[in-house]
């Protein structure tokens, strides 16, 4: 499964703007402006995010980072099954049901 973690953000433009404004800011703190901090830390632990400041980020690293964040690959390893299944959307509006004939009015 492929996930674009920042679908509405021009990530290249954002990184370039931040590099101009805050060259000594860590990449981790920069991305935490748009992503949950724990996710950014996880990406760093997985080796998908270099431990660098914006001015230290090379063009090759930036391209790899942008590709990774816009095409983050997740491999599901199973399901929880019916034991933990939940209904989150849908159903029938009970105002439309008749208790006399167990059907619609």
Protein backbone atom coordinates (compact mmCIF):
# COMPACT_ATOMS: atom_id res chain seq x y z
CA UNK A 1 0.00 0.00 0.00
CA UNK A 2 1.34 3.42 -0.95
CA UNK A 3 0.50 6.52 1.11
CA UNK A 4 1.25 10.15 0.30
CA UNK A 5 1.84 11.55 3.79
CA UNK A 6 1.56 15.17 2.62
CA UNK A 7 -0.83 15.18 -0.36
CA UNK A 8 -1.75 18.88 -0.20
CA UNK A 9 1.75 20.24 0.40
CA UNK A 10 4.31 21.21 -2.25
CA UNK A 11 7.05 19.48 -0.28
CA UNK A 12 9.97 20.59 -2.46
CA UNK A 13 8.82 24.22 -2.28
CA UNK A 14 8.22 23.97 1.46
CA UNK A 15 11.69 22.53 2.12
CA UNK A 16 13.33 25.18 -0.06
CA UNK A 17 11.44 28.00 1.70
CA UNK A 18 12.32 26.63 5.12
CA UNK A 19 15.98 26.20 4.11
CA UNK A 20 16.11 29.90 3.16
CA UNK A 21 14.35 31.07 6.33
CA UNK A 22 15.81 28.60 8.86
CA UNK A 23 18.95 26.91 7.48
CA UNK A 24 20.08 25.60 10.89
CA UNK A 25 16.73 24.03 11.77
CA UNK A 26 16.74 20.25 11.95
CA UNK A 27 14.90 18.38 9.24
CA UNK A 28 13.01 16.55 11.99
CA UNK A 29 11.64 19.80 13.46
CA UNK A 30 10.82 21.15 10.01
CA UNK A 31 8.74 18.11 9.07
CA UNK A 32 7.06 18.15 12.49
CA UNK A 33 5.35 21.37 11.35
CA UNK A 34 3.19 19.22 9.03
CA UNK A 35 3.48 15.67 10.39
CA UNK A 36 2.96 14.21 13.86
CA UNK A 37 6.21 14.33 15.82
CA UNK A 38 6.05 10.61 16.64
CA UNK A 39 5.74 9.77 12.94
CA UNK A 40 8.77 11.93 12.14
CA UNK A 41 10.73 10.16 14.90
CA UNK A 42 9.67 6.76 13.52
CA UNK A 43 10.79 7.73 10.02
CA UNK A 44 14.15 8.72 11.47
CA UNK A 45 14.44 5.40 13.34
CA UNK A 46 13.63 3.53 10.11
CA UNK A 47 16.43 5.39 8.32
CA UNK A 48 14.05 7.20 5.97
CA UNK A 49 14.87 10.61 7.42
CA UNK A 50 18.47 11.85 7.68
CA UNK A 51 19.59 13.44 10.94
CA UNK A 52 20.60 16.74 9.39
CA UNK A 53 19.85 20.42 9.37
CA UNK A 54 18.20 21.91 6.32
CA UNK A 55 21.46 23.41 5.05
CA UNK A 56 23.16 19.99 5.37
CA UNK A 57 20.46 18.25 3.31
CA UNK A 58 21.94 17.38 -0.09
CA UNK A 59 19.84 17.49 -3.28
CA UNK A 60 20.05 13.68 -3.48
CA UNK A 61 18.84 13.32 0.12
CA UNK A 62 16.03 15.81 -0.50
CA UNK A 63 14.85 13.93 -3.59
CA UNK A 64 14.92 10.62 -1.70
CA UNK A 65 13.06 12.20 1.22
CA UNK A 66 10.35 13.71 -0.98
CA UNK A 67 9.92 10.41 -2.82
CA UNK A 68 9.69 8.54 0.48
CA UNK A 69 7.10 10.88 2.02
CA UNK A 70 4.97 11.00 -1.13
CA UNK A 71 5.16 7.24 -1.70
CA UNK A 72 5.43 5.75 1.81
CA UNK A 73 5.10 1.99 1.50
CA UNK A 74 3.19 0.01 4.12
CA UNK A 75 2.76 -3.76 3.99
CA UNK A 76 -0.31 -4.95 5.93
CA UNK A 77 0.41 -8.20 7.74
CA UNK A 78 -3.11 -9.40 8.46
CA UNK A 79 -6.38 -8.36 9.98
CA UNK A 80 -7.83 -8.37 13.45
CA UNK A 81 -10.92 -10.17 12.19
CA UNK A 82 -14.42 -9.99 13.62
CA UNK A 83 -13.16 -9.98 17.21
CA UNK A 84 -12.31 -6.28 16.96
CA UNK A 85 -14.41 -5.25 13.96
CA UNK A 86 -16.34 -2.01 14.35
CA UNK A 87 -18.98 -0.29 12.30
CA UNK A 88 -17.96 3.28 11.68
CA UNK A 89 -20.32 4.51 9.01
CA UNK A 90 -23.65 3.71 7.45
CA UNK A 91 -26.70 1.93 8.76
CA UNK A 92 -30.41 2.53 8.56
CA UNK A 93 -32.24 5.51 9.99
CA UNK A 94 -34.66 3.92 12.45
CA UNK A 95 -37.20 6.74 11.94
CA UNK A 96 -38.03 5.05 8.63
CA UNK A 97 -38.77 1.63 10.19
CA UNK A 98 -42.17 0.35 11.29
CA UNK A 99 -42.35 -1.82 14.42
CA UNK A 100 -45.64 -3.34 13.17
CA UNK A 101 -44.40 -4.93 9.97
CA UNK A 102 -40.62 -4.73 10.54
CA UNK A 103 -40.23 -2.89 7.26
CA UNK A 104 -40.24 0.58 5.88
CA UNK A 105 -43.19 2.91 6.25
